[in-house]
C-alpha atoms as a PDB file:
ATOM      1  CA  MET A   1     179.884 -20.840  99.899  1.00  0.00           C
ATOM      2  CA  ALA A   2     182.565 -20.556  97.345  1.00  0.00           C
ATOM      3  CA  MET A   3     185.329 -18.003  97.736  1.00  0.00           C
ATOM      4  CA  TYR A   4     184.640 -16.270  94.479  1.00  0.00           C
ATOM      5  CA  ASP A   5     181.719 -15.797  92.034  1.00  0.00           C
ATOM      6  CA  LEU A   6     182.529 -17.023  88.634  1.00  0.00           C
ATOM      7  CA  LYS A   7     180.263 -14.375  86.977  1.00  0.00           C
ATOM      8  CA  THR A   8     181.880 -11.464  88.874  1.00  0.00           C
ATOM      9  CA  LEU A   9     185.264 -12.813  88.170  1.00  0.00           C
ATOM     10  CA  LEU A  10     184.507 -12.770  84.398  1.00  0.00           C
ATOM     11  CA  SER A  11     182.346  -9.719  84.118  1.00  0.00           C
ATOM     12  CA  GLU A  12     184.644  -7.457  85.953  1.00  0.00           C
ATOM     13  CA  ASN A  13     187.797  -8.567  84.059  1.00  0.00           C
ATOM     14  CA  THR A  14     188.087  -7.318  80.363  1.00  0.00           C
ATOM     15  CA  TYR A  15     191.018  -9.634  79.684  1.00  0.00           C
ATOM     16  CA  PRO A  16     191.429 -12.849  81.679  1.00  0.00           C
ATOM     17  CA  GLY A  17     193.184 -14.481  78.574  1.00  0.00           C
ATOM     18  CA  ARG A  18     192.537 -18.099  78.318  1.00  0.00           C
ATOM     19  CA  GLY A  19     190.706 -19.851  81.084  1.00  0.00           C
ATOM     20  CA  ILE A  20     189.887 -23.309  82.641  1.00  0.00           C
ATOM     21  CA  VAL A  21     187.204 -24.272  85.186  1.00  0.00           C
ATOM     22  CA  ILE A  22     187.124 -27.932  86.533  1.00  0.00           C
ATOM     23  CA  GLY A  23     184.748 -29.143  89.360  1.00  0.00           C
ATOM     24  CA  LYS A  24     181.710 -30.803  90.162  1.00  0.00           C
ATOM     25  CA  SER A  25     177.986 -29.884  89.500  1.00  0.00           C
ATOM     26  CA  ALA A  26     175.798 -28.723  92.136  1.00  0.00           C
ATOM     27  CA  ASP A  27     173.753 -31.904  92.292  1.00  0.00           C
ATOM     28  CA  GLY A  28     177.063 -34.307  92.579  1.00  0.00           C
ATOM     29  CA  LYS A  29     176.089 -36.063  89.553  1.00  0.00           C
ATOM     30  CA  SER A  30     178.633 -34.791  87.086  1.00  0.00           C
ATOM     31  CA  ALA A  31     182.178 -33.544  86.372  1.00  0.00           C
ATOM     32  CA  MET A  32     182.351 -30.277  84.678  1.00  0.00           C
ATOM     33  CA  ILE A  33     184.853 -28.550  82.411  1.00  0.00           C
ATOM     34  CA  ALA A  34     184.975 -25.220  80.808  1.00  0.00           C
ATOM     35  CA  TYR A  35     187.553 -23.747  78.708  1.00  0.00           C
ATOM     36  CA  PHE A  36     187.519 -20.213  76.779  1.00  0.00           C
ATOM     37  CA  ILE A  37     189.715 -18.251  74.490  1.00  0.00           C
ATOM     38  CA  MET A  38     189.949 -14.533  74.145  1.00  0.00           C
ATOM     39  CA  GLY A  39     191.839 -12.335  71.842  1.00  0.00           C
ATOM     40  CA  ARG A  40     193.037  -8.778  71.260  1.00  0.00           C
ATOM     41  CA  SER A  41     194.720  -9.231  67.828  1.00  0.00           C
ATOM     42  CA  VAL A  42     193.328  -9.990  64.509  1.00  0.00           C
ATOM     43  CA  ASN A  43     195.145 -13.230  64.573  1.00  0.00           C
ATOM     44  CA  SER A  44     194.038 -14.247  67.884  1.00  0.00           C
ATOM     45  CA  ARG A  45     190.480 -13.355  67.263  1.00  0.00           C
ATOM     46  CA  ASN A  46     190.329 -15.236  63.922  1.00  0.00           C
ATOM     47  CA  ARG A  47     189.621 -18.725  65.403  1.00  0.00           C
ATOM     48  CA  ILE A  48     186.855 -21.131  66.469  1.00  0.00           C
ATOM     49  CA  PHE A  49     186.468 -24.287  68.312  1.00  0.00           C
ATOM     50  CA  GLU A  50     186.062 -27.528  66.420  1.00  0.00           C
ATOM     51  CA  ARG A  51     185.274 -31.070  67.742  1.00  0.00           C
ATOM     52  CA  PHE A  52     186.744 -34.280  66.438  1.00  0.00           C
ATOM     53  CA  ASP A  53     186.812 -37.864  67.471  1.00  0.00           C
ATOM     54  CA  GLY A  54     188.790 -37.952  70.712  1.00  0.00           C
ATOM     55  CA  GLY A  55     189.258 -34.157  71.264  1.00  0.00           C
ATOM     56  CA  MET A  56     188.842 -30.462  70.251  1.00  0.00           C
ATOM     57  CA  ARG A  57     191.016 -28.186  68.080  1.00  0.00           C
ATOM     58  CA  THR A  58     191.316 -24.420  67.490  1.00  0.00           C
ATOM     59  CA  LYS A  59     191.079 -23.411  63.782  1.00  0.00           C
ATOM     60  CA  ALA A  60     191.576 -20.256  61.887  1.00  0.00           C
ATOM     61  CA  PHE A  61     187.932 -19.003  60.989  1.00  0.00           C
ATOM     62  CA  ASP A  62     189.302 -17.377  57.808  1.00  0.00           C
ATOM     63  CA  GLU A  63     192.460 -19.166  56.618  1.00  0.00           C
ATOM     64  CA  SER A  64     193.367 -15.973  54.446  1.00  0.00           C
ATOM     65  CA  LYS A  65     193.678 -13.940  57.653  1.00  0.00           C
ATOM     66  CA  LEU A  66     195.822 -16.386  59.477  1.00  0.00           C
ATOM     67  CA  SER A  67     199.179 -14.737  59.907  1.00  0.00           C
ATOM     68  CA  ASP A  68     200.864 -16.812  62.481  1.00  0.00           C
ATOM     69  CA  PRO A  69     199.636 -20.231  63.712  1.00  0.00           C
ATOM     70  CA  HIS A  70     202.124 -20.416  66.369  1.00  0.00           C
ATOM     71  CA  LEU A  71     200.708 -20.678  69.665  1.00  0.00           C
ATOM     72  CA  ILE A  72     197.153 -20.121  68.547  1.00  0.00           C
ATOM     73  CA  ILE A  73     196.326 -23.469  66.556  1.00  0.00           C
ATOM     74  CA  TYR A  74     196.489 -26.333  68.879  1.00  0.00           C
ATOM     75  CA  ASN A  75     194.268 -29.030  70.531  1.00  0.00           C
ATOM     76  CA  PRO A  76     192.986 -27.557  73.752  1.00  0.00           C
ATOM     77  CA  TYR A  77     190.852 -30.918  74.782  1.00  0.00           C
ATOM     78  CA  LEU A  78     191.939 -34.552  74.508  1.00  0.00           C
ATOM     79  CA  THR A  79     190.504 -37.744  76.012  1.00  0.00           C
ATOM     80  CA  THR A  80     192.638 -40.893  76.524  1.00  0.00           C
ATOM     81  CA  LYS A  81     191.760 -43.893  74.370  1.00  0.00           C
ATOM     82  CA  GLY A  82     190.276 -45.604  77.418  1.00  0.00           C
ATOM     83  CA  GLY A  83     187.996 -42.573  78.175  1.00  0.00           C
ATOM     84  CA  ASN A  84     189.426 -42.406  81.823  1.00  0.00           C
ATOM     85  CA  ILE A  85     191.244 -39.495  81.660  1.00  0.00           C
ATOM     86  CA  ASP A  86     190.327 -35.838  80.123  1.00  0.00           C
ATOM     87  CA  ILE A  87     192.916 -33.200  79.260  1.00  0.00           C
ATOM     88  CA  ILE A  88     192.378 -29.459  78.937  1.00  0.00           C
ATOM     89  CA  THR A  89     194.877 -26.956  78.447  1.00  0.00           C
ATOM     90  CA  ASN A  90     195.571 -23.605  76.674  1.00  0.00           C
ATOM     91  CA  GLY A  91     198.387 -25.019  74.142  1.00  0.00           C
ATOM     92  CA  ASP A  92     200.237 -27.689  72.647  1.00  0.00           C
ATOM     93  CA  GLN A  93     201.058 -29.259  76.116  1.00  0.00           C
ATOM     94  CA  THR A  94     197.724 -31.064  75.651  1.00  0.00           C
ATOM     95  CA  ASP A  95     199.629 -33.368  73.269  1.00  0.00           C
ATOM     96  CA  THR A  96     202.820 -33.467  75.821  1.00  0.00           C
ATOM     97  CA  ILE A  97     200.406 -34.739  78.583  1.00  0.00           C
ATOM     98  CA  TYR A  98     198.405 -37.158  76.073  1.00  0.00           C
ATOM     99  CA  ASN A  99     201.557 -38.444  74.545  1.00  0.00           C
ATOM    100  CA  TYR A 100     203.411 -38.893  77.920  1.00  0.00           C
ATOM    101  CA  ILE A 101     200.396 -40.838  79.273  1.00  0.00           C
ATOM    102  CA  ASN A 102     200.113 -43.223  76.201  1.00  0.00           C
ATOM    103  CA  GLU A 103     203.817 -44.015  76.363  1.00  0.00           C
ATOM    104  CA  ASN A 104     204.657 -44.332  79.949  1.00  0.00           C
ATOM    105  CA  GLY A 105     201.039 -44.945  81.612  1.00  0.00           C
ATOM    106  CA  GLU A 106     199.302 -43.189  84.495  1.00  0.00           C
ATOM    107  CA  ASP A 107     201.303 -43.663  87.649  1.00  0.00           C
ATOM    108  CA  GLY A 108     199.688 -40.826  89.346  1.00  0.00           C
ATOM    109  CA  CYS A 109     202.681 -38.437  88.355  1.00  0.00           C
ATOM    110  CA  ALA A 110     202.437 -38.351  84.587  1.00  0.00           C
ATOM    111  CA  PHE A 111     200.645 -34.937  84.519  1.00  0.00           C
ATOM    112  CA  VAL A 112     203.655 -33.406  86.720  1.00  0.00           C
ATOM    113  CA  LYS A 113     206.335 -35.210  84.821  1.00  0.00           C
ATOM    114  CA  ALA A 114     204.850 -34.223  81.221  1.00  0.00           C
ATOM    115  CA  LEU A 115     204.703 -30.462  82.416  1.00  0.00           C
ATOM    116  CA  HIS A 116     208.004 -30.362  83.590  1.00  0.00           C
ATOM    117  CA  THR A 117     209.159 -30.801  80.027  1.00  0.00           C
ATOM    118  CA  ARG A 118     207.502 -27.604  79.049  1.00  0.00           C
ATOM    119  CA  GLU A 119     207.796 -23.850  79.944  1.00  0.00           C
ATOM    120  CA  PHE A 120     205.488 -20.694  79.511  1.00  0.00           C
ATOM    121  CA  GLU A 121     204.797 -19.522  75.861  1.00  0.00           C
ATOM    122  CA  ASP A 122     207.808 -17.773  74.024  1.00  0.00           C
ATOM    123  CA  ASP A 123     205.697 -14.565  73.445  1.00  0.00           C
ATOM    124  CA  GLU A 124     208.069 -12.008  74.999  1.00  0.00           C
ATOM    125  CA  PRO A 125     207.340  -9.729  77.009  1.00  0.00           C
ATOM    126  CA  ASN A 126     204.048 -11.282  77.934  1.00  0.00           C
ATOM    127  CA  TYR A 127     205.532 -14.869  78.540  1.00  0.00           C
ATOM    128  CA  THR A 128     201.907 -16.100  78.684  1.00  0.00           C
ATOM    129  CA  PRO A 129     201.533 -18.763  81.013  1.00  0.00           C
ATOM    130  CA  ARG A 130     200.660 -22.302  80.064  1.00  0.00           C
ATOM    131  CA  ILE A 131     197.575 -23.469  82.008  1.00  0.00           C
ATOM    132  CA  SER A 132     196.617 -27.281  82.133  1.00  0.00           C
ATOM    133  CA  GLY A 133     193.956 -29.419  83.782  1.00  0.00           C
ATOM    134  CA  ILE A 134     193.362 -33.044  83.927  1.00  0.00           C
ATOM    135  CA  ILE A 135     190.631 -35.229  85.261  1.00  0.00           C
ATOM    136  CA  HIS A 136     191.053 -38.886  86.289  1.00  0.00           C
ATOM    137  CA  TYR A 137     187.687 -40.727  86.512  1.00  0.00           C
ATOM    138  CA  ALA A 138     187.428 -43.790  88.570  1.00  0.00           C
ATOM    139  CA  PRO A 139     185.164 -46.950  88.254  1.00  0.00           C
ATOM    140  CA  GLU A 140     183.169 -46.046  91.496  1.00  0.00           C
ATOM    141  CA  ASN A 141     181.502 -43.118  89.777  1.00  0.00           C
ATOM    142  CA  THR A 142     184.168 -40.810  91.309  1.00  0.00           C
ATOM    143  CA  PHE A 143     187.004 -38.505  90.047  1.00  0.00           C
ATOM    144  CA  HIS A 144     189.623 -36.135  91.067  1.00  0.00           C
ATOM    145  CA  TYR A 145     191.271 -33.409  89.053  1.00  0.00           C
ATOM    146  CA  GLU A 146     194.457 -31.386  89.004  1.00  0.00           C
ATOM    147  CA  LEU A 147     195.431 -27.807  87.646  1.00  0.00           C
ATOM    148  CA  SER A 148     198.919 -26.542  86.749  1.00  0.00           C
ATOM    149  CA  ILE A 149     200.423 -23.139  85.617  1.00  0.00           C
ATOM    150  CA  LEU A 150     203.767 -22.630  84.032  1.00  0.00           C
ATOM    151  CA  LYS A 151     204.772 -19.178  84.121  1.00  0.00           C
ATOM    152  CA  SER A 152     207.858 -16.756  84.248  1.00  0.00           C
ATOM    153  CA  ALA A 153     209.154 -15.425  87.548  1.00  0.00           C
ATOM    154  CA  ASN A 154     207.446 -11.910  87.515  1.00  0.00           C
ATOM    155  CA  GLY A 155     208.400 -11.439  83.935  1.00  0.00           C
ATOM    156  CA  ASP A 156     211.910 -12.883  84.015  1.00  0.00           C
ATOM    157  CA  GLY A 157     211.908 -14.830  80.955  1.00  0.00           C
ATOM    158  CA  SER A 158     215.081 -16.806  81.997  1.00  0.00           C
ATOM    159  CA  VAL A 159     213.222 -18.454  84.854  1.00  0.00           C
ATOM    160  CA  CYS A 160     210.225 -20.991  84.665  1.00  0.00           C
ATOM    161  CA  ASN A 161     208.290 -21.629  87.825  1.00  0.00           C
ATOM    162  CA  ARG A 162     205.844 -24.621  87.902  1.00  0.00           C
ATOM    163  CA  TYR A 163     202.794 -24.715  89.957  1.00  0.00           C
ATOM    164  CA  PHE A 164     200.525 -27.831  90.596  1.00  0.00           C
ATOM    165  CA  TYR A 165     197.116 -28.389  92.413  1.00  0.00           C
ATOM    166  CA  SER A 166     195.398 -31.514  93.246  1.00  0.00           C
ATOM    167  CA  TYR A 167     191.552 -31.399  94.368  1.00  0.00           C
ATOM    168  CA  THR A 168     188.991 -33.816  95.686  1.00  0.00           C
ATOM    169  CA  PRO A 169     185.705 -32.609  94.041  1.00  0.00           C
ATOM    170  CA  ARG A 170     183.000 -31.330  96.197  1.00  0.00           C
ATOM    171  CA  ASP A 171     179.374 -30.878  95.066  1.00  0.00           C
ATOM    172  CA  GLY A 172     178.792 -27.542  93.360  1.00  0.00           C
ATOM    173  CA  PHE A 173     182.463 -26.294  93.492  1.00  0.00           C
ATOM    174  CA  GLY A 174     185.286 -25.923  90.841  1.00  0.00           C
ATOM    175  CA  HIS A 175     188.441 -24.194  90.337  1.00  0.00           C
ATOM    176  CA  PHE A 176     189.207 -21.466  87.885  1.00  0.00           C
ATOM    177  CA  ILE A 177     192.472 -20.624  86.431  1.00  0.00           C
ATOM    178  CA  HIS A 178     193.186 -18.075  83.842  1.00  0.00           C
ATOM    179  CA  THR A 179     196.430 -17.050  81.870  1.00  0.00           C
ATOM    180  CA  TYR A 180     196.135 -13.128  82.945  1.00  0.00           C
ATOM    181  CA  LYS A 181     195.425 -11.297  86.057  1.00  0.00           C
ATOM    182  CA  CYS A 182     193.967  -8.702  83.682  1.00  0.00           C
ATOM    183  CA  ASP A 183     194.538  -6.602  80.840  1.00  0.00           C
ATOM    184  CA  GLY A 184     197.902  -4.609  80.131  1.00  0.00           C
ATOM    185  CA  ASN A 185     200.965  -4.157  78.218  1.00  0.00           C
ATOM    186  CA  PRO A 186     202.673  -6.336  78.829  1.00  0.00           C
ATOM    187  CA  ILE A 187     200.015  -8.408  80.240  1.00  0.00           C
ATOM    188  CA  PRO A 188     200.255  -9.604  83.781  1.00  0.00           C
ATOM    189  CA  SER A 189     200.262 -13.261  84.456  1.00  0.00           C
ATOM    190  CA  PHE A 190     197.836 -15.069  86.803  1.00  0.00           C
ATOM    191  CA  PHE A 191     199.160 -15.306  90.239  1.00  0.00           C
ATOM    192  CA  GLY A 192     197.977 -17.019  93.467  1.00  0.00           C
ATOM    193  CA  GLU A 193     195.898 -20.366  93.819  1.00  0.00           C
ATOM    194  CA  PRO A 194     193.174 -21.145  91.396  1.00  0.00           C
ATOM    195  CA  GLU A 195     189.888 -19.600  92.360  1.00  0.00           C
ATOM    196  CA  GLU A 196     187.434 -21.605  94.136  1.00  0.00           C
ATOM    197  CA  VAL A 197     183.998 -20.915  92.163  1.00  0.00           C
ATOM    198  CA  ALA A 198     180.318 -22.060  92.436  1.00  0.00           C
ATOM    199  CA  LEU A 199     179.196 -24.590  89.687  1.00  0.00           C
ATOM    200  CA  PRO A 200     175.642 -25.041  88.477  1.00  0.00           C
ATOM    201  CA  ASN A 201     174.153 -28.442  87.564  1.00  0.00           C
ATOM    202  CA  THR A 202     174.217 -28.186  83.892  1.00  0.00           C
ATOM    203  CA  ALA A 203     176.599 -27.633  80.888  1.00  0.00           C
ATOM    204  CA  LYS A 204     174.176 -24.902  79.607  1.00  0.00           C
ATOM    205  CA  GLU A 205     174.041 -23.308  82.682  1.00  0.00           C
ATOM    206  CA  LEU A 206     177.750 -23.116  82.929  1.00  0.00           C
ATOM    207  CA  ALA A 207     178.000 -21.976  79.262  1.00  0.00           C
ATOM    208  CA  ASP A 208     175.628 -19.224  79.869  1.00  0.00           C
ATOM    209  CA  ILE A 209     177.586 -18.003  82.971  1.00  0.00           C
ATOM    210  CA  CYS A 210     180.748 -17.949  81.158  1.00  0.00           C
ATOM    211  CA  TRP A 211     179.810 -16.967  77.725  1.00  0.00           C
ATOM    212  CA  GLU A 212     177.381 -13.812  78.947  1.00  0.00           C
ATOM    213  CA  ASN A 213     180.074 -12.368  81.298  1.00  0.00           C
ATOM    214  CA  LEU A 214     183.155 -12.592  79.143  1.00  0.00           C
ATOM    215  CA  ASN A 215     184.052  -9.299  77.534  1.00  0.00           C
ATOM    216  CA  GLU A 216     182.134  -8.820  74.470  1.00  0.00           C
ATOM    217  CA  ASP A 217     185.011  -7.403  72.510  1.00  0.00           C
ATOM    218  CA  ASN A 218     187.550  -9.803  73.422  1.00  0.00           C
ATOM    219  CA  LYS A 219     185.691 -13.239  73.779  1.00  0.00           C
ATOM    220  CA  VAL A 220     186.289 -15.853  71.029  1.00  0.00           C
ATOM    221  CA  SER A 221     185.286 -19.234  71.678  1.00  0.00           C
ATOM    222  CA  LEU A 222     183.912 -21.522  74.576  1.00  0.00           C
ATOM    223  CA  PHE A 223     184.000 -25.187  75.296  1.00  0.00           C
ATOM    224  CA  VAL A 224     181.742 -26.918  77.948  1.00  0.00           C
ATOM    225  CA  ARG A 225     181.852 -30.556  78.768  1.00  0.00           C
ATOM    226  CA  GLN A 226     179.428 -32.338  81.333  1.00  0.00           C
ATOM    227  CA  ILE A 227     180.461 -35.680  82.290  1.00  0.00           C
ATOM    228  CA  PRO A 228     177.940 -37.759  84.124  1.00  0.00           C
ATOM    229  CA  LEU A 229     179.503 -39.995  86.766  1.00  0.00           C
ATOM    230  CA  ASP A 230     176.837 -42.832  86.119  1.00  0.00           C
ATOM    231  CA  GLY A 231     178.561 -43.361  82.754  1.00  0.00           C
ATOM    232  CA  SER A 232     175.725 -41.916  80.550  1.00  0.00           C
ATOM    233  CA  GLU A 233     176.633 -39.841  77.611  1.00  0.00           C
ATOM    234  CA  PRO A 234     178.545 -36.505  78.115  1.00  0.00           C
ATOM    235  CA  THR A 235     177.030 -33.156  76.968  1.00  0.00           C
ATOM    236  CA  GLU A 236     179.126 -30.888  75.322  1.00  0.00           C
ATOM    237  CA  ILE A 237     178.672 -27.210  74.286  1.00  0.00           C
ATOM    238  CA  ILE A 238     180.764 -25.169  71.859  1.00  0.00           C
ATOM    239  CA  ILE A 239     180.083 -21.326  71.332  1.00  0.00           C
ATOM    240  CA  ASN A 240     182.120 -19.538  68.764  1.00  0.00           C
ATOM    241  CA  LYS A 241     181.808 -15.776  68.112  1.00  0.00           C
ATOM    242  CA  ASN A 242     182.961 -16.260  64.513  1.00  0.00           C
ATOM    243  CA  LYS A 243     179.972 -17.952  62.543  1.00  0.00           C
END
């Protein structure tokens, strides 16, 4: 049994902020990714997810209402040209990781090295953490994944602490990391290890769990990607509150 129930974690928290879930489907046949964004301001809520070849971007739903693209317009998801690595993050550090791998290759430490060039977001007094995930696919129908969070030292904006976690996947289990512990002013950063959660078999089931339990007022967009380990075509779901 997983340590936490994803449905409960989402339904009992009005503002986890942005969140990443990575793991393995219950039947052991697929890698699973979920990423969601939330917003309290008009600017943050004025967004949609849009897929493009090789990745997925955030985009202003109504360009006339976009007051500041800083920190809210970025590529949350990118896949490397060979398709053997998926990168998912809550900011433009997706590009930092992607570019580092393209320029230096993947030596097993690229994720860590790339993120050591970055810090938390410059949105004082929240100092929103940068959360990141990466999946490495192997030829033997296997994979492993890593998660990271870069955050201030309990609100001290002069210090950036970087945490990294590496996982061997287990059937039906994943890990959930999000930017905020809960709502507040300033908003308290996530703390502790990524939360171990149970995962279903399909992208549709995972999308339903996430979207139906995110706070109705604050949820904005959701991206779910299911990657069959036998090499067949991935399944992707994008849900945007703005339509």
